[in-house]
Protein backbone atom coordinates (compact mmCIF):
# COMPACT_ATOMS: atom_id res chain seq x y z
CA MET A 1 83.52 132.58 70.09
CA MET A 2 80.27 131.59 72.21
CA VAL A 3 79.71 133.68 75.44
CA LEU A 4 77.74 132.53 78.63
CA GLN A 5 74.10 133.73 77.66
CA TRP A 6 72.48 136.56 79.58
CA TYR A 7 69.06 136.12 80.91
CA PRO A 8 66.61 138.21 82.62
CA VAL A 9 66.68 138.70 86.19
CA TYR A 10 63.31 137.78 86.89
CA TRP A 11 63.89 134.00 85.38
CA SER A 12 62.10 131.57 87.52
CA ARG A 13 64.61 129.40 89.76
CA GLN A 14 61.67 126.98 90.13
CA SER A 15 61.20 126.50 86.23
CA TYR A 16 65.13 125.81 85.88
CA TRP A 17 65.75 123.24 88.47
CA SER A 18 62.05 122.04 88.93
CA GLU A 19 62.98 118.62 88.81
CA LEU A 20 64.81 118.72 91.99
CA SER A 21 64.25 119.29 95.80
CA PHE A 22 66.38 121.59 97.70
CA GLN A 23 64.53 121.15 100.80
CA GLY A 24 67.20 119.61 102.60
CA ILE A 25 69.75 122.30 102.14
CA GLU A 26 67.27 125.45 102.78
CA VAL A 27 68.64 125.69 106.43
CA GLU A 28 68.33 128.78 108.52
CA VAL A 29 72.28 129.34 109.43
CA THR A 30 73.15 130.22 113.04
CA GLN A 31 74.75 133.37 114.22
CA PRO A 32 78.09 132.23 115.67
CA LYS A 33 78.44 133.15 119.60
CA THR A 34 80.72 135.99 120.49
CA GLY A 35 83.89 135.11 121.62
CA ALA A 36 83.54 131.41 120.43
CA PHE A 37 86.49 131.74 118.02
CA PRO A 38 90.05 132.53 118.76
CA GLY A 39 91.31 136.04 117.64
CA ARG A 40 88.88 138.39 116.24
CA PRO A 41 87.71 137.39 113.11
CA ALA A 42 87.29 139.97 110.29
CA ALA A 43 83.67 140.53 109.41
CA ILE A 44 82.37 137.47 108.30
CA PRO A 45 79.89 137.79 105.36
CA PRO A 46 76.40 136.44 105.54
CA TYR A 47 75.80 132.92 104.59
CA PHE A 48 73.10 133.64 101.75
CA TRP A 49 74.11 137.06 100.49
CA GLY A 50 71.99 137.25 97.49
CA GLY A 51 69.23 139.44 99.42
CA GLU A 52 71.21 142.56 99.77
CA PRO A 53 71.94 143.76 96.32
CA ARG A 54 73.36 147.14 97.51
CA SER A 55 74.87 145.93 100.54
CA ARG A 56 78.87 145.74 101.30
CA LEU A 57 78.90 142.59 99.29
CA GLY A 58 76.82 143.87 96.55
CA LYS A 59 79.17 147.16 96.08
CA PHE A 60 81.26 145.10 93.92
CA VAL A 61 79.19 146.38 91.02
CA GLY A 62 81.35 149.28 89.61
CA ARG A 63 84.03 148.90 91.81
CA LYS A 64 87.20 149.69 90.18
CA PRO A 65 90.06 147.00 89.86
CA GLY A 66 91.94 147.27 92.94
CA GLN A 67 89.06 148.14 95.08
CA HIS A 68 88.00 145.49 97.55
CA ALA A 69 85.04 145.20 100.18
CA PHE A 70 86.86 143.06 102.52
CA LEU A 71 90.28 143.00 104.53
CA ILE A 72 93.42 142.91 102.37
CA HIS A 73 96.00 140.84 104.24
CA PRO A 74 99.52 141.30 104.58
CA GLY A 75 101.94 139.14 102.58
CA TYR A 76 101.50 136.77 99.80
CA LEU A 77 103.56 138.80 97.50
CA GLU A 78 104.40 136.65 94.81
CA VAL A 79 101.09 135.31 94.24
CA ARG A 80 99.60 138.92 94.48
CA ASP A 81 101.87 139.73 91.49
CA LEU A 82 100.83 136.71 89.65
CA ILE A 83 97.01 137.14 89.85
CA GLY A 84 97.10 141.12 89.19
CA ASN A 85 93.27 142.14 89.42
CA GLY A 86 92.01 138.92 89.95
CA THR A 87 89.64 138.98 87.02
CA VAL A 88 88.74 136.18 84.87
CA VAL A 89 91.25 137.36 82.23
CA ASP A 90 93.96 137.08 84.66
CA LEU A 91 92.92 133.65 85.49
CA LYS A 92 92.84 132.82 81.93
CA ARG A 93 96.18 134.03 81.18
CA LEU A 94 97.87 132.07 83.97
CA SER A 95 96.00 128.91 83.08
CA PHE A 96 97.26 129.10 79.54
CA GLN A 97 100.61 129.64 80.81
CA ALA A 98 100.02 126.23 83.11
CA GLN A 99 98.75 124.38 79.94
CA GLY A 100 102.00 125.46 77.91
CA LEU A 101 104.08 124.49 80.83
CA VAL A 102 102.45 121.08 81.06
CA ARG A 103 102.70 120.49 77.04
CA GLN A 104 106.40 121.31 77.29
CA ILE A 105 106.96 119.00 80.33
CA PHE A 106 105.17 116.06 78.54
CA SER A 107 106.84 116.86 75.34
CA GLY A 108 109.89 115.08 75.71
CA ILE A 109 108.83 111.82 77.40
CA GLU A 110 108.86 109.39 74.92
CA ASP A 111 112.55 110.34 74.14
CA MET A 112 113.55 108.65 77.06
CA SER A 113 114.96 105.19 76.76
CA ASP A 114 113.07 102.35 77.87
CA SER A 115 116.45 100.87 79.43
CA SER A 116 116.94 104.05 81.53
CA SER A 117 117.78 103.04 84.99
CA LEU A 118 116.66 104.84 88.12
CA ASP A 119 120.33 104.49 89.30
CA ASP A 120 120.86 107.10 87.06
CA VAL A 121 118.90 110.37 87.44
CA LYS A 122 117.84 111.81 84.09
CA SER A 123 116.12 115.21 83.02
CA LEU A 124 114.12 115.97 80.01
CA SER A 125 114.63 119.39 79.11
CA CYS A 126 111.90 121.69 78.14
CA PRO A 127 111.91 125.25 76.60
CA GLU A 128 110.42 127.03 79.86
CA PRO A 129 113.57 127.43 82.13
CA GLY A 130 113.01 125.44 85.32
CA ALA A 131 110.56 123.00 83.63
CA THR A 132 112.11 119.65 83.13
CA LEU A 133 111.19 115.59 84.00
CA VAL A 134 113.20 113.87 86.49
CA GLN A 135 113.42 110.21 87.39
CA LEU A 136 112.82 109.61 91.04
CA ARG A 137 113.57 106.66 93.72
CA LEU A 138 113.23 106.19 96.98
CA SER A 139 116.41 106.72 99.44
CA PRO A 140 117.95 103.13 100.32
CA GLU A 141 116.40 103.72 103.85
CA LEU A 142 112.89 103.85 102.68
CA GLU A 143 113.15 101.48 100.19
CA SER A 144 114.36 98.97 102.80
CA TRP A 145 111.56 100.09 105.04
CA LYS A 146 108.96 99.70 102.24
CA VAL A 147 110.15 96.18 101.54
CA ALA A 148 110.17 95.34 105.25
CA GLN A 149 106.73 96.57 105.59
CA HIS A 150 105.49 94.65 102.42
CA ALA A 151 106.98 91.29 103.76
CA ILE A 152 104.77 91.65 106.74
CA GLY A 153 101.66 92.39 104.72
CA ASN A 154 101.65 96.18 105.32
CA ILE A 155 100.71 97.07 101.95
CA LEU A 156 98.36 100.15 101.08
CA PRO A 157 95.76 98.89 98.73
CA ALA A 158 95.44 100.69 95.11
CA LYS A 159 93.66 104.13 95.17
CA GLY A 160 89.67 103.70 95.38
CA ALA A 161 87.62 104.87 92.38
CA GLY A 162 85.71 107.05 94.72
CA LEU A 163 82.24 105.81 93.26
CA SER A 164 80.48 104.86 96.23
CA GLN A 165 77.05 106.24 96.78
CA ALA A 166 76.30 108.55 99.98
CA SER A 167 74.37 106.25 102.58
CA ASP A 168 70.50 106.38 102.45
CA ASN A 169 70.88 107.97 105.80
CA VAL A 170 73.06 110.98 104.71
CA LEU A 171 70.70 111.36 101.59
CA GLU A 172 67.69 111.49 103.71
CA ILE A 173 68.89 114.37 105.99
CA LEU A 174 69.95 116.47 103.07
CA LYS A 175 66.88 115.29 101.08
CA ALA A 176 69.17 114.56 98.12
CA ALA A 177 67.68 111.08 97.17
CA GLY A 178 66.52 112.60 93.76
CA TRP A 179 69.61 114.57 92.88
CA PRO A 180 71.84 113.35 89.79
CA GLU A 181 73.49 110.10 90.33
CA ALA A 182 77.08 111.82 89.99
CA LEU A 183 76.50 114.17 92.76
CA LYS A 184 75.38 111.56 95.22
CA THR A 185 78.81 109.94 95.34
CA ASN A 186 80.47 110.32 98.61
CA ASN A 187 83.63 111.32 96.64
CA ALA A 188 81.37 114.23 95.26
CA LEU A 189 78.93 115.09 97.87
CA PHE A 190 81.73 115.34 100.43
CA GLY A 191 83.96 117.21 98.18
CA CYS A 192 82.70 119.88 95.85
CA GLY A 193 79.22 119.41 97.43
CA ILE A 194 80.15 120.04 101.14
CA ALA A 195 82.41 122.89 99.98
CA SER A 196 79.64 124.47 98.33
CA LEU A 197 77.36 123.94 101.53
CA LEU A 198 80.17 125.39 103.82
CA MET A 199 80.86 128.49 101.79
CA GLY A 200 77.13 129.64 101.00
CA ALA A 201 75.91 131.29 98.29
CA ALA A 202 73.63 133.96 96.95
CA ASP A 203 70.65 131.81 97.38
CA VAL A 204 69.81 128.15 97.94
CA PRO A 205 69.43 127.04 94.05
CA THR A 206 72.79 128.97 93.22
CA MET A 207 74.51 127.25 95.98
CA PHE A 208 73.19 123.59 94.21
CA SER A 209 73.94 125.09 90.67
CA ASN A 210 77.78 126.05 91.98
CA TYR A 211 78.02 122.43 93.11
CA VAL A 212 77.07 121.29 89.83
CA THR A 213 79.75 123.51 88.06
CA ASP A 214 82.45 122.50 90.30
CA MET A 215 81.85 119.13 89.26
CA ALA A 216 84.25 119.81 86.45
CA PHE A 217 86.77 118.69 89.14
CA TYR A 218 85.85 115.14 88.82
CA TYR A 219 86.50 114.84 85.15
CA GLU A 220 90.08 114.05 86.26
CA HIS A 221 88.56 111.07 88.14
CA GLY A 222 86.80 109.84 84.90
CA TYR A 223 83.30 110.77 86.03
CA ASN A 224 82.29 111.97 82.49
CA TYR A 225 82.69 108.05 81.42
CA ILE A 226 80.95 106.67 84.39
CA PHE A 227 77.82 109.13 84.25
CA PRO A 228 77.44 109.98 80.68
CA SER A 229 74.91 112.75 81.92
CA LEU A 230 77.46 114.63 83.64
CA GLU A 231 78.38 116.77 80.85
CA SER A 232 75.05 118.29 79.82
CA LEU A 233 74.29 118.70 83.78
CA LEU A 234 77.40 120.76 83.89
CA GLN A 235 76.44 122.88 80.84
CA LYS A 236 73.22 123.28 82.56
CA GLY A 237 74.71 124.84 85.67
CA LEU A 238 76.98 127.10 83.51
CA ALA A 239 74.02 128.33 81.74
CA ASP A 240 71.81 128.87 84.92
CA PRO A 241 70.47 132.25 84.23
CA GLN A 242 69.86 133.69 87.63
CA ALA A 243 73.09 132.22 89.05
CA LEU A 244 74.96 134.32 85.99
CA HIS A 245 73.16 137.65 87.80
CA THR A 246 74.57 136.78 91.43
CA PRO A 247 77.69 138.53 92.89
CA GLY A 248 80.60 136.72 91.05
CA GLY A 249 78.25 134.03 89.48
CA ARG A 250 79.47 134.88 85.80
CA GLU A 251 82.85 135.00 86.85
CA ARG A 252 82.82 131.61 88.33
CA ARG A 253 81.32 130.11 85.45
CA GLU A 254 83.73 131.67 83.08
CA ALA A 255 86.72 130.67 85.10
CA ILE A 256 85.15 126.98 85.22
CA CYS A 257 85.30 126.82 81.45
CA VAL A 258 88.94 128.05 81.72
CA GLY A 259 89.85 125.41 84.45
CA LYS A 260 88.12 122.59 82.56
CA GLN A 261 90.17 123.38 79.21
CA TYR A 262 93.27 122.91 81.60
CA ILE A 263 92.04 119.69 82.93
CA GLN A 264 90.96 118.37 79.60
CA GLY A 265 94.39 118.89 78.33
CA LYS A 266 96.36 117.42 80.89
CA ILE A 267 94.40 114.33 81.21
CA SER A 268 94.82 113.75 77.33
CA LEU A 269 98.52 114.18 77.62
CA GLU A 270 98.37 111.66 80.73
CA ARG A 271 96.48 109.17 78.59
CA GLN A 272 98.91 109.38 75.56
CA HIS A 273 101.95 108.87 77.82
CA LYS A 274 100.81 106.68 80.95
CA ALA A 275 103.08 103.70 80.05
CA HIS A 276 106.19 106.19 80.63
CA LEU A 277 105.44 108.23 83.46
CA THR A 278 106.28 105.91 86.46
CA ASN A 279 108.68 107.04 88.72
CA LEU A 280 108.90 110.79 87.02
CA SER A 281 108.44 114.07 88.42
CA ALA A 282 108.53 117.48 87.00
CA ARG A 283 111.05 120.00 88.28
CA LEU A 284 110.00 123.33 88.36
CA SER A 285 110.85 126.99 89.41
CA ARG A 286 108.77 128.62 92.40
CA ARG A 287 106.88 130.71 90.05
CA THR A 288 105.98 128.02 87.56
CA ALA A 289 105.11 125.84 90.48
CA GLN A 290 102.36 128.41 91.66
CA ILE A 291 101.07 128.89 88.19
CA ILE A 292 100.62 125.08 87.63
CA SER A 293 99.20 124.25 91.24
CA LEU A 294 96.49 127.09 90.56
CA SER A 295 95.22 124.99 87.65
CA GLU A 296 95.83 121.84 89.26
CA SER A 297 93.25 122.88 91.86
CA SER A 298 90.68 122.41 88.90
CA LEU A 299 88.25 124.91 90.89
CA LEU A 300 89.41 128.27 89.49
CA GLY A 301 85.48 129.29 89.70
CA MET A 302 85.78 129.49 93.38
CA ALA A 303 88.50 131.90 93.04
CA ALA A 304 86.93 133.84 90.40
CA GLU A 305 83.80 134.34 92.35
CA ALA A 306 85.46 135.24 95.83
CA ILE A 307 87.77 138.15 94.03
CA ALA A 308 84.70 139.32 92.15
CA ARG A 309 82.87 139.62 95.66
CA GLY A 310 85.75 141.57 97.03
CA PHE A 311 87.88 139.28 98.69
CA ASP A 312 91.78 139.82 98.64
CA PRO A 313 92.99 138.31 95.50
CA GLY A 314 96.51 137.66 97.04
CA ALA A 315 94.93 135.56 99.83
CA VAL A 316 92.36 133.65 97.34
CA ILE A 317 95.22 132.49 95.31
CA ASN A 318 97.09 131.66 97.92
CA ASP A 319 94.61 129.31 99.39
CA LEU A 320 93.91 127.76 95.73
CA VAL A 321 97.52 127.09 95.61
CA PHE A 322 97.57 125.45 98.90
CA SER A 323 94.91 123.26 97.61
CA SER A 324 97.43 121.11 95.43
CA PRO A 325 99.86 120.39 98.60
CA GLY A 326 96.60 119.83 100.70
CA THR A 327 95.61 117.04 98.30
CA ASP A 328 99.05 115.58 97.38
CA VAL A 329 100.37 115.20 100.83
CA VAL A 330 98.71 111.90 100.96
CA ASP A 331 99.34 110.56 97.35
CA ILE A 332 103.04 110.84 97.47
CA GLY A 333 103.78 107.05 97.06
CA CYS A 334 100.89 106.36 94.79
CA ASP A 335 101.87 109.28 92.20
CA LEU A 336 105.56 108.01 92.32
CA LEU A 337 104.13 105.03 90.65
CA ASN A 338 101.16 106.06 88.46
CA SER A 339 100.70 108.77 86.07
CA GLU A 340 101.04 111.94 88.03
CA VAL A 341 103.96 113.81 87.21
CA MET A 342 102.63 117.25 89.05
CA ASN A 343 102.63 116.09 92.88
CA SER A 344 103.68 118.98 94.71
CA PHE A 345 105.74 117.48 96.91
CA LEU A 346 107.64 115.56 94.35
CA ASN A 347 108.20 118.79 92.29
CA VAL A 348 110.38 120.89 95.06
CA SER A 349 113.67 121.00 94.04
CA ASP A 350 115.01 119.36 97.11
CA ILE A 351 113.93 116.18 95.52
CA THR A 352 114.31 117.07 91.96
CA ASP A 353 117.97 118.03 92.49
CA THR A 354 118.90 114.68 93.19
CA GLY A 355 116.14 112.40 92.47
CA ILE A 356 116.19 110.73 95.67
CA VAL A 357 113.05 111.00 97.81
CA SER A 358 114.27 110.39 101.60
CA GLU A 359 112.66 110.67 104.95
CA ASP A 360 114.46 113.94 105.99
CA VAL A 361 113.61 115.57 102.74
CA LEU A 362 110.04 114.65 102.76
CA ARG A 363 109.74 116.23 106.32
CA ARG A 364 111.36 119.58 105.14
CA VAL A 365 109.11 119.92 102.38
CA TYR A 366 106.18 118.97 104.44
CA ASP A 367 106.95 121.46 107.31
CA ALA A 368 107.18 124.31 104.34
CA TYR A 369 103.71 123.52 103.13
CA ALA A 370 102.29 123.10 106.58
CA ALA A 371 103.53 126.68 107.28
CA THR A 372 101.95 128.08 104.04
CA GLY A 373 98.39 127.06 105.05
CA THR A 374 98.63 127.94 108.87
CA ARG A 375 97.28 131.65 108.49
CA MET A 376 94.33 130.28 106.42
CA LEU A 377 93.40 127.59 108.61
CA THR A 378 93.40 129.54 111.93
CA GLN A 379 92.93 133.35 111.18
CA ARG A 380 91.14 133.47 107.79
CA TRP A 381 89.10 129.98 108.01
CA HIS A 382 85.82 131.86 107.42
CA GLU A 383 86.97 133.03 103.80
CA PRO A 384 85.36 131.20 100.83
CA VAL A 385 88.38 129.32 99.44
CA ALA A 386 89.82 128.71 102.97
CA ARG A 387 86.52 126.97 103.69
CA MET A 388 87.04 124.73 100.93
CA CYS A 389 90.68 123.86 101.86
CA ALA A 390 89.58 123.32 105.43
CA ALA A 391 87.16 120.53 104.12
CA LEU A 392 90.29 118.90 102.61
CA TYR A 393 90.97 117.00 105.61
CA THR A 394 87.36 115.59 105.89
CA TRP A 395 87.23 114.94 102.22
CA HIS A 396 90.50 112.66 102.37
CA ILE A 397 88.47 110.76 105.12
CA GLN A 398 85.28 110.53 103.30
CA ASN A 399 85.95 110.13 99.61
CA ASP A 400 86.01 106.38 99.20
CA ARG A 401 89.36 107.05 97.31
CA HIS A 402 92.26 107.99 99.55
CA MET A 403 91.67 105.62 102.55
CA PHE A 404 93.05 108.35 105.00
CA PHE A 405 92.89 105.97 107.68
CA ARG A 406 94.85 103.25 106.32
CA ARG A 407 97.29 105.44 105.04
CA ALA A 408 97.75 107.06 108.53
CA ILE A 409 98.14 103.82 110.54
CA LEU A 410 100.68 102.43 108.02
CA GLY A 411 102.69 105.33 108.27
CA TRP A 412 102.29 106.50 111.74
CA PRO A 413 105.53 104.73 113.04
CA LYS A 414 107.43 107.48 110.97
CA ALA A 415 105.40 110.36 111.98
CA ARG A 416 106.38 112.89 114.83
CA LYS A 417 104.66 112.35 118.10
CA SER A 418 105.25 115.84 119.60
CA PRO A 419 103.50 118.93 118.18
CA ALA A 420 105.17 121.78 116.55
CA ARG A 421 106.64 124.24 118.87
CA PRO A 422 106.31 127.06 117.81
CA GLN A 423 103.28 126.25 115.62
CA ARG A 424 104.83 127.84 112.30
CA GLU A 425 103.42 130.33 109.41
CA ALA A 426 105.16 131.79 106.54
CA ASP A 427 104.39 132.60 102.83
CA PHE A 428 104.87 130.37 99.75
CA ASP A 429 107.73 132.91 98.51
CA GLU A 430 109.28 132.55 102.08
CA VAL A 431 109.59 128.74 102.62
CA PHE A 432 110.78 128.24 99.00
CA ASP A 433 113.40 129.96 97.25
CA GLU A 434 113.28 131.04 93.42
CA GLN A 435 114.46 127.54 92.55
CA TYR A 436 111.65 126.03 94.67
CA ARG A 437 113.97 124.82 97.27
CA THR A 438 112.87 124.76 100.80
CA THR A 439 114.61 127.84 102.86
CA GLY A 440 113.74 126.47 106.40
CA PHE A 441 111.98 130.10 106.86
CA TYR A 442 109.21 130.24 109.39
CA ARG A 443 107.55 132.71 111.59
CA PRO A 444 105.89 131.79 114.93
CA LEU A 445 102.29 131.68 114.62
CA ASP A 446 100.38 134.72 116.24
CA PRO A 447 100.10 133.30 120.05
CA GLU A 448 96.26 134.75 119.80
CA TYR A 449 95.88 131.78 117.04
CA ALA A 450 98.22 129.28 118.09
CA CYS A 451 96.71 126.55 120.50
CA ASN A 452 98.53 124.73 123.33
CA GLY A 453 99.04 121.58 121.22
CA GLU A 454 97.13 119.05 123.37
CA GLU A 455 94.92 116.56 121.49
CA THR A 456 91.85 118.20 122.44
CA CYS A 457 93.40 121.80 122.97
CA ASN A 458 92.55 124.76 124.83
CA HIS A 459 91.10 126.43 121.60
CA VAL A 460 88.61 123.67 121.15
CA TYR A 461 87.83 123.21 124.70
CA HIS A 462 86.68 126.75 125.00
CA PHE A 463 84.76 126.41 121.72
CA LEU A 464 83.04 123.39 122.92
CA ASP A 465 82.20 124.86 126.41
CA CYS A 466 80.48 127.98 124.41
CA TYR A 467 78.42 125.28 122.64
CA GLN A 468 77.38 122.77 125.27
CA GLU A 469 73.77 122.47 123.90
CA GLU A 470 74.98 121.27 120.70
CA PRO A 471 76.56 117.63 121.62
CA LEU A 472 77.29 117.08 117.73
CA LEU A 473 79.91 119.52 117.72
CA ARG A 474 81.62 117.66 120.36
CA GLU A 475 81.02 114.39 118.44
CA LEU A 476 82.42 115.71 115.15
CA TRP A 477 85.81 116.81 117.04
CA TRP A 478 85.80 113.33 118.69
CA ILE A 479 85.34 111.23 115.38
CA LEU A 480 87.53 113.60 113.30
CA VAL A 481 90.73 113.69 115.87
CA VAL A 482 90.54 111.80 119.08
CA GLU A 483 88.97 108.46 117.82
CA PRO A 484 91.44 108.47 114.68
CA LEU A 485 94.41 109.07 116.89
CA GLU A 486 93.33 106.19 119.22
CA TYR A 487 93.13 104.01 116.14
CA VAL A 488 96.56 104.90 114.41
CA ARG A 489 97.93 104.55 117.52
CA GLY A 490 96.89 101.02 118.14
CA GLY A 491 98.62 99.86 115.21
CA GLN A 492 96.18 97.28 114.27
CA ILE A 493 94.37 97.36 110.88
CA ASP A 494 90.35 97.32 111.41
CA GLU A 495 88.40 97.75 108.07
CA ARG A 496 85.24 97.85 110.20
CA ARG A 497 86.44 100.53 112.52
CA GLU A 498 87.85 102.30 109.42
CA HIS A 499 84.44 102.36 107.70
CA ASP A 500 82.63 103.45 111.07
CA LEU A 501 84.88 106.43 111.47
CA VAL A 502 84.29 107.36 108.10
CA GLU A 503 80.31 107.15 107.64
CA GLY A 504 80.01 108.27 111.44
CA SER A 505 81.80 111.78 109.94
CA ARG A 506 79.55 111.89 107.24
CA LEU A 507 76.41 111.55 109.11
CA LEU A 508 77.56 114.13 111.89
CA MET A 509 78.71 116.89 109.25
CA ALA A 510 74.92 116.18 107.29
CA LYS A 511 73.30 116.57 110.70
CA LEU A 512 75.31 119.66 111.70
CA TYR A 513 74.63 121.16 108.14
CA SER A 514 70.86 120.52 108.73
CA ARG A 515 70.96 122.22 112.08
CA GLY A 516 72.47 125.29 110.59
CA LEU A 517 75.93 125.13 112.44
CA VAL A 518 77.63 125.91 109.40
CA LEU A 519 80.44 128.37 110.67
CA GLU A 520 80.65 126.39 113.81
CA MET A 521 81.27 123.28 111.73
CA VAL A 522 83.73 125.11 109.46
CA TRP A 523 86.06 126.27 112.37
CA LEU A 524 86.11 122.92 114.00
CA ILE A 525 87.08 121.33 110.62
CA ALA A 526 89.62 123.85 109.80
CA HIS A 527 91.22 123.53 113.37
CA ALA A 528 91.30 119.72 113.06
CA ASN A 529 93.05 120.35 109.63
CA HIS A 530 95.54 122.71 111.16
CA HIS A 531 96.04 119.81 113.97
CA ALA A 532 96.61 117.29 111.26
CA TRP A 533 99.54 119.40 109.70
CA GLN A 534 101.31 120.63 112.91
CA VAL A 535 100.03 118.93 116.12
CA ASN A 536 99.06 115.38 115.74
CA TYR A 537 100.83 114.99 112.24
CA LEU A 538 98.18 112.83 110.89
CA PHE A 539 99.15 114.09 107.50
CA GLU A 540 102.62 113.34 107.78
CA ALA A 541 101.71 109.72 108.92
CA ALA A 542 99.22 109.35 105.62
CA MET A 543 102.16 110.61 103.60
CA PHE A 544 104.42 108.05 104.83
CA GLY A 545 101.84 105.51 104.59
CA SER A 546 101.34 106.21 100.93
CA LEU A 547 105.02 105.14 99.91
CA LEU A 548 103.74 101.52 101.03
CA ASP A 549 101.33 101.60 97.94
CA GLY A 550 101.37 98.09 96.44
CA GLY A 551 101.96 99.46 92.72
CA ALA A 552 98.58 98.03 91.47
CA LEU A 553 98.18 101.17 89.31
CA ALA A 554 101.84 101.39 88.08
CA GLY A 555 102.00 102.59 84.57
CA LYS A 556 98.38 103.25 84.53
CA LEU A 557 95.83 105.98 85.45
CA ASP A 558 94.53 106.37 88.78
CA ARG A 559 90.93 106.92 87.42
CA HIS A 560 88.35 105.20 85.37
CA GLU A 561 89.12 105.22 81.53
CA GLU A 562 87.18 104.61 78.26
CA GLY A 563 89.53 103.24 75.90
CA LYS A 564 90.81 106.03 73.52
CA ILE A 565 87.44 107.80 73.56
CA ASP A 566 88.49 111.69 73.76
CA MET A 567 86.94 113.95 76.36
CA PRO A 568 83.68 115.64 75.45
CA PRO A 569 84.05 118.94 73.76
CA MET A 570 83.46 122.12 75.43
CA SER A 571 80.09 123.94 74.86
CA TYR A 572 81.18 127.22 76.16
CA THR A 573 84.08 129.32 75.43
CA CYS A 574 84.74 131.99 77.89
CA MET A 575 85.87 135.54 76.76
């Protein structure tokens, strides 16, 4: 068994990443203004925390299991039980369980008769209780709507490859033109890249190194075939000697190795069975759904680092589990047709019990998931994994893959037009019962954090008033919320306007980062995300819009393939 190598702490960062420039990400992060954010945010850690080795952050050294440097939040009971102390060993245990479940689920696929009809809902049993495969179909009403929309040309194009390079303007702002090609796609730079920039790190080189290691996420997008140097780059990030010495740095890299094993195993199974996966979905229990969603995030490293630094393990794992529905919500129609049997919306028992995907059931599942992310987006938005989840909204817009605005304009007629009243919050084990059926349970969000539900709400007006000297913040809200709503309400597809909204948001985020307005940008993005779930329902619109997928990827994988070549072997095995 190989172990990530330990290097002396005085190893020179300049010599390790000497071929690259970090000038554009070496920013002086501003201190937020008192009273700008709703509520009273708990102590927000410094953006670069490596300079305080014995500070409150650094006290994780020698900290016993169960002791935490940051606030332990109420609730999150089931995920808290699942994760235990939140060590890499705990994450590895859950990931191995997820791998076993996925193997079981795929094991019986070829037993299905090629002639089996969608009129007969069939399950394929697996050894694990609650883990089966079910054939799905749209309800007659949704199928009729889809046929009618396709007849008038409202067809959602196939999911994009996510390979377009970031614009010269963006790369110039971030001084990233010399970075490796895989890191300069819009999909990566405004996905794991912006997540790293929003979360911060021990120091600038470690922040870049973290971005490199998180590129394991993009193996599920086929990046290892498109960018042959990705594997060696990833291994360099995993072996980064000083990053391994930072708070949580070793744990982060060991957990990435664990997560990569899950990704590779699932990819292999999907490639093997892709011709048999159309309209199939896994039926899961609530517990197995959370175990699988954790590994489906492909970002175990972020969780391992946050917990090692002293953040609440229950809240961290809750956030990583939420990243699955936070991604899947825009992919429901696409995942019905292609190789994905682990869409967290289509896995819920409200759907798998009958095999029917109906409008009412989708809304019920949508509301359940929306409630599970509310506290994260409104109260805990400044915690590390919460920052990543907040940026899922902008990633959907910017990744050259999900065509968020196209989905939203196509699905807008079916989206609710009035905000949730009250805005709702609840835990995963409250909105779903043990069989993974929705319960209808929720609590009203604490009035201190609930906004008034206007398009530009009272919280945003107050925030922008505090930052009148920073007009870019107002522009970001407008391009993420106000202008998209204007576009989808108009009902006329305009590719040029979609492009301008997408690229405009990328440029604004790059500019705001270069000005050091990191926390301010995080809060604004988190609140835009909250609005998309429960105020303006742009996520619901995109969900219904995804049902109009034209079917170009039916029976195929939604990523680049390279014949039958196996994935590169792991170079590191974690303890």
